[in-house]
């Protein structure tokens, strides 16, 4: 049986539930906005939808599983492993979606004339599919064998079968720190983040070169185009910055755990790092609403059409009925 929930665990669960209640509706609103607004149908916003899907899954799936792991139930080893893996899949999916967005913005400013013929909806769909396939392969690697099962057997000197191996389910109990640091962080998190940083620096460099050119009065369209691209690039770079800010602390703590086993990391720092990773899923819709006009317009349209107007229609119907009476 699981131990009774402490006051600290209750506070942790409350914060996690609050994050989920913000993250899920916010990202569903992003998906809804892209679906109903024709102006949000290009490749960039398709990649943003993929990112939003991952963020919805964080709120609806990962956070409940994280709460279960925090409580620490007694489970079979591979059951606990399956509970721990979804966060790895969705983290990688978010990183690859951000990378796809960065490459898309680069192509927009590097080859603006040929962009639509190069980045077609079909190619964008293939890219999104590939991102999710890679995410599942990376996130499910612990299930393929890179986990702590053998280490736990050696430590506890057990020779029982897998089905009889019952543990207290905790993330670090089943997920290998070697996998988290050497494979997950050093291969699939840090290099893509550094690559995205370089891409956005080049995007800003290309845009500023175009904007600094002396243009004639007949060249307003390129100026307008690159000015708009600069605004969107800044907003999406902010999304990337918030992602890095939210996830790097937890990976740094993982590195400390692996390379300095004797170092005692305060539990409160671990919880703060976990809150940051989950809270990142709730940040993006806020960034879109305040920084990208197309999203702000779509959000207001949804609000007016599906919430305010229904109330107004009901009120109008009531008024009309009363007047007729």
Foldseek 3Di string as FASTA:
>chain_A
DFDDQDPVLVVLLVLLLVLLVLLQVLLVLLVVLCVVDPVQPFLLSVLVNQLSVLLNCCSVQLSVLQSLQVSFDKDQLVVLLVSQLSVQLSLLLNLLSLLVNLVLLLCCLPPVPCSPVVRDPVVSVVSSVVSNVVSCCLSCVLVVPQWCPVVVCVVVVDDDDRRPHIDRRHNPNTHPLCSLQVPSPVPRNVVSLVVSVVSLVVSVVSLVVQCPDDDDPVPVVSNVSSVLSVLVSVLSVVLSVLQCVLAVQLNVVSVCCVPPVPDDDDVVSNSSSVSSNSSSSSVSSVSCCVRPVSSVVSSVVCCVPPPVVVVVVVVVVVVVVVVVD
